[in-house]
């Protein structure tokens, strides 16, 4: 089992767009109907701090997630937004 947690803080002006990217990733994941991959995203009360929790049953599930077009678009857009605190 592979468990990954990522936390970051976006600029306030980017928060809504980040939420939309997260929504698209979730939508694509649901469409795959995979039982070996769980993904949750939480937003703190400040409205701009995000915590992502990914649980993959194995390396193959992790690779599937990393290659999702919506996830790649999300990651690129997040980095281009110049987050206040980068993903860690």
PDB file of N, CA and C in Angstrom:
ATOM      1  N   UNK A   1       0.842  -1.172   0.000  1.00  0.00           N
ATOM      2  CA  UNK A   1       0.000   0.000   0.000  1.00  0.00           C
ATOM      3  C   UNK A   1       0.894   1.244   0.000  1.00  0.00           C
ATOM      4  N   UNK A   2       0.525   2.230  -0.804  1.00  0.00           N
ATOM      5  CA  UNK A   2       1.271   3.478  -0.908  1.00  0.00           C
ATOM      6  C   UNK A   2       0.351   4.619  -0.477  1.00  0.00           C
ATOM      7  N   UNK A   3       0.745   5.324   0.566  1.00  0.00           N
ATOM      8  CA  UNK A   3      -0.053   6.446   1.075  1.00  0.00           C
ATOM      9  C   UNK A   3       0.749   7.724   0.893  1.00  0.00           C
ATOM     10  N   UNK A   4       0.130   8.702   0.240  1.00  0.00           N
ATOM     11  CA  UNK A   4       0.789   9.978  -0.027  1.00  0.00           C
ATOM     12  C   UNK A   4      -0.090  11.106   0.492  1.00  0.00           C
ATOM     13  N   UNK A   5       0.528  12.018   1.240  1.00  0.00           N
ATOM     14  CA  UNK A   5      -0.165  13.212   1.712  1.00  0.00           C
ATOM     15  C   UNK A   5       0.587  14.426   1.196  1.00  0.00           C
ATOM     16  N   UNK A   6      -0.146  15.380   0.622  1.00  0.00           N
ATOM     17  CA  UNK A   6       0.450  16.607   0.095  1.00  0.00           C
ATOM     18  C   UNK A   6      -0.341  17.786   0.647  1.00  0.00           C
ATOM     19  N   UNK A   7       0.388  18.788   1.108  1.00  0.00           N
ATOM     20  CA  UNK A   7      -0.238  20.016   1.645  1.00  0.00           C
ATOM     21  C   UNK A   7       0.381  21.206   0.933  1.00  0.00           C
ATOM     22  N   UNK A   8      -0.452  22.211   0.614  1.00  0.00           N
ATOM     23  CA  UNK A   8       0.036  23.434  -0.020  1.00  0.00           C
ATOM     24  C   UNK A   8      -0.965  24.549   0.226  1.00  0.00           C
ATOM     25  N   UNK A   9      -0.503  25.790   0.005  1.00  0.00           N
ATOM     26  CA  UNK A   9      -1.357  26.964   0.169  1.00  0.00           C
ATOM     27  C   UNK A   9      -1.314  27.750  -1.140  1.00  0.00           C
ATOM     28  N   UNK A  10      -2.491  27.965  -1.729  1.00  0.00           N
ATOM     29  CA  UNK A  10      -2.567  28.727  -2.972  1.00  0.00           C
ATOM     30  C   UNK A  10      -2.799  30.201  -2.672  1.00  0.00           C
ATOM     31  N   UNK A  11      -2.571  31.032  -3.663  1.00  0.00           N
ATOM     32  CA  UNK A  11      -2.945  32.442  -3.561  1.00  0.00           C
ATOM     33  C   UNK A  11      -4.477  32.489  -3.470  1.00  0.00           C
ATOM     34  N   UNK A  12      -5.018  33.398  -2.700  1.00  0.00           N
ATOM     35  CA  UNK A  12      -6.468  33.471  -2.514  1.00  0.00           C
ATOM     36  C   UNK A  12      -7.207  33.596  -3.852  1.00  0.00           C
ATOM     37  N   UNK A  13      -6.643  34.332  -4.778  1.00  0.00           N
ATOM     38  CA  UNK A  13      -7.291  34.536  -6.073  1.00  0.00           C
ATOM     39  C   UNK A  13      -7.340  33.256  -6.910  1.00  0.00           C
ATOM     40  N   UNK A  14      -6.513  32.271  -6.583  1.00  0.00           N
ATOM     41  CA  UNK A  14      -6.463  31.029  -7.351  1.00  0.00           C
ATOM     42  C   UNK A  14      -7.297  29.905  -6.721  1.00  0.00           C
ATOM     43  N   UNK A  15      -7.792  30.095  -5.521  1.00  0.00           N
ATOM     44  CA  UNK A  15      -8.457  29.018  -4.775  1.00  0.00           C
ATOM     45  C   UNK A  15      -9.633  28.403  -5.540  1.00  0.00           C
ATOM     46  N   UNK A  16     -10.484  29.207  -6.132  1.00  0.00           N
ATOM     47  CA  UNK A  16     -11.648  28.671  -6.858  1.00  0.00           C
ATOM     48  C   UNK A  16     -11.212  27.866  -8.075  1.00  0.00           C
ATOM     49  N   UNK A  17     -10.202  28.335  -8.779  1.00  0.00           N
ATOM     50  CA  UNK A  17      -9.707  27.608  -9.940  1.00  0.00           C
ATOM     51  C   UNK A  17      -9.075  26.285  -9.503  1.00  0.00           C
ATOM     52  N   UNK A  18      -8.372  26.287  -8.387  1.00  0.00           N
ATOM     53  CA  UNK A  18      -7.792  25.059  -7.862  1.00  0.00           C
ATOM     54  C   UNK A  18      -8.887  24.053  -7.526  1.00  0.00           C
ATOM     55  N   UNK A  19      -9.943  24.525  -6.909  1.00  0.00           N
ATOM     56  CA  UNK A  19     -11.066  23.646  -6.583  1.00  0.00           C
ATOM     57  C   UNK A  19     -11.664  23.030  -7.851  1.00  0.00           C
ATOM     58  N   UNK A  20     -11.736  23.796  -8.919  1.00  0.00           N
ATOM     59  CA  UNK A  20     -12.269  23.283 -10.182  1.00  0.00           C
ATOM     60  C   UNK A  20     -11.352  22.196 -10.751  1.00  0.00           C
ATOM     61  N   UNK A  21     -10.055  22.395 -10.682  1.00  0.00           N
ATOM     62  CA  UNK A  21      -9.119  21.362 -11.139  1.00  0.00           C
ATOM     63  C   UNK A  21      -9.279  20.089 -10.304  1.00  0.00           C
ATOM     64  N   UNK A  22      -9.419  20.228  -9.001  1.00  0.00           N
ATOM     65  CA  UNK A  22      -9.618  19.078  -8.117  1.00  0.00           C
ATOM     66  C   UNK A  22     -10.912  18.364  -8.499  1.00  0.00           C
ATOM     67  N   UNK A  23     -11.966  19.111  -8.771  1.00  0.00           N
ATOM     68  CA  UNK A  23     -13.251  18.517  -9.153  1.00  0.00           C
ATOM     69  C   UNK A  23     -13.092  17.665 -10.410  1.00  0.00           C
ATOM     70  N   UNK A  24     -12.328  18.169 -11.380  1.00  0.00           N
ATOM     71  CA  UNK A  24     -12.118  17.423 -12.628  1.00  0.00           C
ATOM     72  C   UNK A  24     -11.344  16.131 -12.393  1.00  0.00           C
ATOM     73  N   UNK A  25     -10.336  16.189 -11.524  1.00  0.00           N
ATOM     74  CA  UNK A  25      -9.584  14.977 -11.189  1.00  0.00           C
ATOM     75  C   UNK A  25     -10.525  13.955 -10.547  1.00  0.00           C
ATOM     76  N   UNK A  26     -11.326  14.393  -9.603  1.00  0.00           N
ATOM     77  CA  UNK A  26     -12.258  13.494  -8.918  1.00  0.00           C
ATOM     78  C   UNK A  26     -13.247  12.878  -9.910  1.00  0.00           C
ATOM     79  N   UNK A  27     -13.726  13.678 -10.822  1.00  0.00           N
ATOM     80  CA  UNK A  27     -14.677  13.200 -11.827  1.00  0.00           C
ATOM     81  C   UNK A  27     -14.039  12.097 -12.684  1.00  0.00           C
ATOM     82  N   UNK A  28     -12.802  12.317 -13.119  1.00  0.00           N
ATOM     83  CA  UNK A  28     -12.120  11.313 -13.924  1.00  0.00           C
ATOM     84  C   UNK A  28     -11.878  10.030 -13.113  1.00  0.00           C
ATOM     85  N   UNK A  29     -11.493  10.176 -11.854  1.00  0.00           N
ATOM     86  CA  UNK A  29     -11.279   9.000 -11.013  1.00  0.00           C
ATOM     87  C   UNK A  29     -12.558   8.191 -10.835  1.00  0.00           C
ATOM     88  N   UNK A  30     -13.663   8.877 -10.587  1.00  0.00           N
ATOM     89  CA  UNK A  30     -14.943   8.174 -10.421  1.00  0.00           C
ATOM     90  C   UNK A  30     -15.295   7.379 -11.676  1.00  0.00           C
ATOM     91  N   UNK A  31     -15.023   7.954 -12.834  1.00  0.00           N
ATOM     92  CA  UNK A  31     -15.342   7.298 -14.104  1.00  0.00           C
ATOM     93  C   UNK A  31     -14.519   6.019 -14.311  1.00  0.00           C
ATOM     94  N   UNK A  32     -13.355   5.929 -13.679  1.00  0.00           N
ATOM     95  CA  UNK A  32     -12.508   4.747 -13.826  1.00  0.00           C
ATOM     96  C   UNK A  32     -13.003   3.553 -13.003  1.00  0.00           C
ATOM     97  N   UNK A  33     -13.777   3.815 -11.949  1.00  0.00           N
ATOM     98  CA  UNK A  33     -14.324   2.766 -11.076  1.00  0.00           C
ATOM     99  C   UNK A  33     -13.231   1.848 -10.520  1.00  0.00           C
ATOM    100  N   UNK A  34     -12.123   2.439 -10.130  1.00  0.00           N
ATOM    101  CA  UNK A  34     -11.016   1.639  -9.582  1.00  0.00           C
ATOM    102  C   UNK A  34     -11.212   1.459  -8.086  1.00  0.00           C
ATOM    103  N   UNK A  35     -10.990   0.254  -7.634  1.00  0.00           N
ATOM    104  CA  UNK A  35     -11.101  -0.031  -6.202  1.00  0.00           C
ATOM    105  C   UNK A  35      -9.726  -0.035  -5.528  1.00  0.00           C
ATOM    106  N   UNK A  36      -8.676   0.088  -6.342  1.00  0.00           N
ATOM    107  CA  UNK A  36      -7.309   0.059  -5.801  1.00  0.00           C
ATOM    108  C   UNK A  36      -6.725   1.451  -5.610  1.00  0.00           C
ATOM    109  N   UNK A  37      -7.574   2.472  -5.725  1.00  0.00           N
ATOM    110  CA  UNK A  37      -7.101   3.853  -5.650  1.00  0.00           C
ATOM    111  C   UNK A  37      -8.136   4.713  -4.932  1.00  0.00           C
ATOM    112  N   UNK A  38      -7.745   5.315  -3.846  1.00  0.00           N
ATOM    113  CA  UNK A  38      -8.614   6.221  -3.070  1.00  0.00           C
ATOM    114  C   UNK A  38      -7.953   7.586  -3.032  1.00  0.00           C
ATOM    115  N   UNK A  39      -8.752   8.623  -3.208  1.00  0.00           N
ATOM    116  CA  UNK A  39      -8.212   9.978  -3.257  1.00  0.00           C
ATOM    117  C   UNK A  39      -9.187  10.920  -2.571  1.00  0.00           C
ATOM    118  N   UNK A  40      -8.692  11.679  -1.633  1.00  0.00           N
ATOM    119  CA  UNK A  40      -9.501  12.664  -0.919  1.00  0.00           C
ATOM    120  C   UNK A  40      -8.753  13.981  -0.879  1.00  0.00           C
ATOM    121  N   UNK A  41      -9.503  15.076  -0.962  1.00  0.00           N
ATOM    122  CA  UNK A  41      -8.913  16.410  -0.883  1.00  0.00           C
ATOM    123  C   UNK A  41      -9.707  17.208   0.136  1.00  0.00           C
ATOM    124  N   UNK A  42      -8.983  17.884   0.999  1.00  0.00           N
ATOM    125  CA  UNK A  42      -9.599  18.694   2.044  1.00  0.00           C
ATOM    126  C   UNK A  42      -9.106  20.124   1.920  1.00  0.00           C
ATOM    127  N   UNK A  43      -9.989  21.065   2.220  1.00  0.00           N
ATOM    128  CA  UNK A  43      -9.614  22.474   2.220  1.00  0.00           C
ATOM    129  C   UNK A  43      -9.790  22.992   3.649  1.00  0.00           C
ATOM    130  N   UNK A  44      -8.765  23.669   4.150  1.00  0.00           N
ATOM    131  CA  UNK A  44      -8.847  24.215   5.502  1.00  0.00           C
ATOM    132  C   UNK A  44      -9.753  25.444   5.523  1.00  0.00           C
ATOM    133  N   UNK A  45     -10.087  25.895   6.711  1.00  0.00           N
ATOM    134  CA  UNK A  45     -11.021  27.008   6.887  1.00  0.00           C
ATOM    135  C   UNK A  45     -10.573  28.308   6.224  1.00  0.00           C
ATOM    136  N   UNK A  46      -9.276  28.465   5.987  1.00  0.00           N
ATOM    137  CA  UNK A  46      -8.800  29.698   5.356  1.00  0.00           C
ATOM    138  C   UNK A  46      -9.183  29.777   3.875  1.00  0.00           C
ATOM    139  N   UNK A  47      -9.662  28.655   3.301  1.00  0.00           N
ATOM    140  CA  UNK A  47     -10.106  28.642   1.915  1.00  0.00           C
ATOM    141  C   UNK A  47      -8.996  28.572   0.880  1.00  0.00           C
ATOM    142  N   UNK A  48      -7.751  28.428   1.330  1.00  0.00           N
ATOM    143  CA  UNK A  48      -6.657  28.379   0.365  1.00  0.00           C
ATOM    144  C   UNK A  48      -5.583  27.351   0.702  1.00  0.00           C
ATOM    145  N   UNK A  49      -5.756  26.648   1.817  1.00  0.00           N
ATOM    146  CA  UNK A  49      -4.853  25.574   2.180  1.00  0.00           C
ATOM    147  C   UNK A  49      -5.531  24.252   1.838  1.00  0.00           C
ATOM    148  N   UNK A  50      -4.833  23.449   1.040  1.00  0.00           N
ATOM    149  CA  UNK A  50      -5.380  22.179   0.569  1.00  0.00           C
ATOM    150  C   UNK A  50      -4.513  21.029   1.052  1.00  0.00           C
ATOM    151  N   UNK A  51      -5.166  19.936   1.400  1.00  0.00           N
ATOM    152  CA  UNK A  51      -4.484  18.714   1.811  1.00  0.00           C
ATOM    153  C   UNK A  51      -5.046  17.584   0.956  1.00  0.00           C
ATOM    154  N   UNK A  52      -4.152  16.885   0.278  1.00  0.00           N
ATOM    155  CA  UNK A  52      -4.540  15.770  -0.585  1.00  0.00           C
ATOM    156  C   UNK A  52      -4.052  14.475   0.061  1.00  0.00           C
ATOM    157  N   UNK A  53      -4.908  13.472   0.077  1.00  0.00           N
ATOM    158  CA  UNK A  53      -4.579  12.160   0.604  1.00  0.00           C
ATOM    159  C   UNK A  53      -4.849  11.132  -0.491  1.00  0.00           C
ATOM    160  N   UNK A  54      -3.799  10.434  -0.898  1.00  0.00           N
ATOM    161  CA  UNK A  54      -3.923   9.413  -1.943  1.00  0.00           C
ATOM    162  C   UNK A  54      -3.483   8.074  -1.370  1.00  0.00           C
ATOM    163  N   UNK A  55      -4.335   7.074  -1.535  1.00  0.00           N
ATOM    164  CA  UNK A  55      -4.030   5.722  -1.071  1.00  0.00           C
ATOM    165  C   UNK A  55      -4.122   4.797  -2.276  1.00  0.00           C
ATOM    166  N   UNK A  56      -2.996   4.186  -2.606  1.00  0.00           N
ATOM    167  CA  UNK A  56      -2.928   3.270  -3.743  1.00  0.00           C
ATOM    168  C   UNK A  56      -2.592   1.877  -3.227  1.00  0.00           C
ATOM    169  N   UNK A  57      -3.272   0.898  -3.755  1.00  0.00           N
ATOM    170  CA  UNK A  57      -3.039  -0.479  -3.327  1.00  0.00           C
ATOM    171  C   UNK A  57      -1.670  -0.981  -3.767  1.00  0.00           C
ATOM    172  N   UNK A  58      -1.157  -0.404  -4.869  1.00  0.00           N
ATOM    173  CA  UNK A  58       0.118  -0.874  -5.409  1.00  0.00           C
ATOM    174  C   UNK A  58       0.710   0.195  -6.334  1.00  0.00           C
ATOM    175  N   UNK A  59       1.891  -0.102  -6.848  1.00  0.00           N
ATOM    176  CA  UNK A  59       2.602   0.838  -7.723  1.00  0.00           C
ATOM    177  C   UNK A  59       1.840   1.098  -9.022  1.00  0.00           C
ATOM    178  N   UNK A  60       1.175   0.090  -9.543  1.00  0.00           N
ATOM    179  CA  UNK A  60       0.415   0.248 -10.786  1.00  0.00           C
ATOM    180  C   UNK A  60      -0.700   1.276 -10.614  1.00  0.00           C
ATOM    181  N   UNK A  61      -1.411   1.216  -9.500  1.00  0.00           N
ATOM    182  CA  UNK A  61      -2.479   2.188  -9.229  1.00  0.00           C
ATOM    183  C   UNK A  61      -1.902   3.588  -9.108  1.00  0.00           C
ATOM    184  N   UNK A  62      -0.747   3.710  -8.489  1.00  0.00           N
ATOM    185  CA  UNK A  62      -0.091   5.007  -8.349  1.00  0.00           C
ATOM    186  C   UNK A  62       0.279   5.578  -9.720  1.00  0.00           C
ATOM    187  N   UNK A  63       0.794   4.724 -10.601  1.00  0.00           N
ATOM    188  CA  UNK A  63       1.152   5.173 -11.948  1.00  0.00           C
ATOM    189  C   UNK A  63      -0.071   5.604 -12.730  1.00  0.00           C
ATOM    190  N   UNK A  64      -1.174   4.874 -12.564  1.00  0.00           N
ATOM    191  CA  UNK A  64      -2.424   5.257 -13.242  1.00  0.00           C
ATOM    192  C   UNK A  64      -2.823   6.664 -12.812  1.00  0.00           C
ATOM    193  N   UNK A  65      -2.769   6.909 -11.518  1.00  0.00           N
ATOM    194  CA  UNK A  65      -3.145   8.230 -11.009  1.00  0.00           C
ATOM    195  C   UNK A  65      -2.234   9.313 -11.579  1.00  0.00           C
ATOM    196  N   UNK A  66      -0.944   9.087 -11.536  1.00  0.00           N
ATOM    197  CA  UNK A  66       0.019  10.094 -11.991  1.00  0.00           C
ATOM    198  C   UNK A  66      -0.126  10.435 -13.469  1.00  0.00           C
ATOM    199  N   UNK A  67      -0.656   9.508 -14.250  1.00  0.00           N
ATOM    200  CA  UNK A  67      -0.780   9.750 -15.694  1.00  0.00           C
ATOM    201  C   UNK A  67      -2.170  10.227 -16.114  1.00  0.00           C
ATOM    202  N   UNK A  68      -3.071  10.423 -15.171  1.00  0.00           N
ATOM    203  CA  UNK A  68      -4.392  10.959 -15.518  1.00  0.00           C
ATOM    204  C   UNK A  68      -4.228  12.336 -16.151  1.00  0.00           C
ATOM    205  N   UNK A  69      -4.825  12.568 -17.304  1.00  0.00           N
ATOM    206  CA  UNK A  69      -4.721  13.894 -17.934  1.00  0.00           C
ATOM    207  C   UNK A  69      -5.202  15.025 -17.019  1.00  0.00           C
ATOM    208  N   UNK A  70      -6.269  14.789 -16.268  1.00  0.00           N
ATOM    209  CA  UNK A  70      -6.772  15.843 -15.383  1.00  0.00           C
ATOM    210  C   UNK A  70      -5.806  16.119 -14.240  1.00  0.00           C
ATOM    211  N   UNK A  71      -5.124  15.077 -13.745  1.00  0.00           N
ATOM    212  CA  UNK A  71      -4.148  15.298 -12.678  1.00  0.00           C
ATOM    213  C   UNK A  71      -2.934  16.050 -13.208  1.00  0.00           C
ATOM    214  N   UNK A  72      -2.476  15.702 -14.388  1.00  0.00           N
ATOM    215  CA  UNK A  72      -1.339  16.402 -14.975  1.00  0.00           C
ATOM    216  C   UNK A  72      -1.674  17.874 -15.209  1.00  0.00           C
ATOM    217  N   UNK A  73      -2.890  18.156 -15.688  1.00  0.00           N
ATOM    218  CA  UNK A  73      -3.319  19.549 -15.890  1.00  0.00           C
ATOM    219  C   UNK A  73      -3.402  20.283 -14.550  1.00  0.00           C
ATOM    220  N   UNK A  74      -3.941  19.603 -13.541  1.00  0.00           N
ATOM    221  CA  UNK A  74      -4.039  20.182 -12.200  1.00  0.00           C
ATOM    222  C   UNK A  74      -2.650  20.548 -11.666  1.00  0.00           C
ATOM    223  N   UNK A  75      -1.714  19.605 -11.744  1.00  0.00           N
ATOM    224  CA  UNK A  75      -0.368  19.828 -11.202  1.00  0.00           C
ATOM    225  C   UNK A  75       0.346  20.967 -11.922  1.00  0.00           C
ATOM    226  N   UNK A  76       0.229  21.010 -13.241  1.00  0.00           N
ATOM    227  CA  UNK A  76       0.878  22.078 -14.009  1.00  0.00           C
ATOM    228  C   UNK A  76       0.282  23.437 -13.668  1.00  0.00           C
ATOM    229  N   UNK A  77      -1.032  23.503 -13.574  1.00  0.00           N
ATOM    230  CA  UNK A  77      -1.694  24.771 -13.256  1.00  0.00           C
ATOM    231  C   UNK A  77      -1.359  25.232 -11.845  1.00  0.00           C
ATOM    232  N   UNK A  78      -1.291  24.294 -10.916  1.00  0.00           N
ATOM    233  CA  UNK A  78      -0.948  24.648  -9.538  1.00  0.00           C
ATOM    234  C   UNK A  78       0.438  25.272  -9.469  1.00  0.00           C
ATOM    235  N   UNK A  79       1.410  24.654 -10.089  1.00  0.00           N
ATOM    236  CA  UNK A  79       2.769  25.205 -10.063  1.00  0.00           C
ATOM    237  C   UNK A  79       2.842  26.554 -10.773  1.00  0.00           C
ATOM    238  N   UNK A  80       2.105  26.707 -11.861  1.00  0.00           N
ATOM    239  CA  UNK A  80       2.104  27.972 -12.594  1.00  0.00           C
ATOM    240  C   UNK A  80       1.407  29.083 -11.805  1.00  0.00           C
ATOM    241  N   UNK A  81       0.592  28.732 -10.830  1.00  0.00           N
ATOM    242  CA  UNK A  81      -0.134  29.740 -10.042  1.00  0.00           C
ATOM    243  C   UNK A  81       0.736  30.383  -8.968  1.00  0.00           C
ATOM    244  N   UNK A  82       1.950  29.896  -8.784  1.00  0.00           N
ATOM    245  CA  UNK A  82       2.877  30.410  -7.761  1.00  0.00           C
ATOM    246  C   UNK A  82       2.254  30.335  -6.363  1.00  0.00           C
ATOM    247  N   UNK A  83       2.070  29.118  -5.862  1.00  0.00           N
ATOM    248  CA  UNK A  83       1.456  28.978  -4.539  1.00  0.00           C
ATOM    249  C   UNK A  83       2.251  29.686  -3.439  1.00  0.00           C
ATOM    250  N   UNK A  84       1.538  30.141  -2.426  1.00  0.00           N
ATOM    251  CA  UNK A  84       2.190  30.776  -1.278  1.00  0.00           C
ATOM    252  C   UNK A  84       3.113  29.780  -0.581  1.00  0.00           C
ATOM    253  N   UNK A  85       2.633  28.546  -0.442  1.00  0.00           N
ATOM    254  CA  UNK A  85       3.444  27.465   0.113  1.00  0.00           C
ATOM    255  C   UNK A  85       3.345  26.321  -0.895  1.00  0.00           C
ATOM    256  N   UNK A  86       4.454  25.966  -1.530  1.00  0.00           N
ATOM    257  CA  UNK A  86       4.421  24.930  -2.561  1.00  0.00           C
ATOM    258  C   UNK A  86       4.052  23.550  -1.986  1.00  0.00           C
ATOM    259  N   UNK A  87       3.610  22.663  -2.854  1.00  0.00           N
ATOM    260  CA  UNK A  87       3.260  21.304  -2.394  1.00  0.00           C
ATOM    261  C   UNK A  87       4.444  20.622  -1.734  1.00  0.00           C
ATOM    262  N   UNK A  88       4.136  19.963  -0.620  1.00  0.00           N
ATOM    263  CA  UNK A  88       5.166  19.179   0.081  1.00  0.00           C
ATOM    264  C   UNK A  88       4.526  17.954   0.693  1.00  0.00           C
TER     265      UNK A  88
END
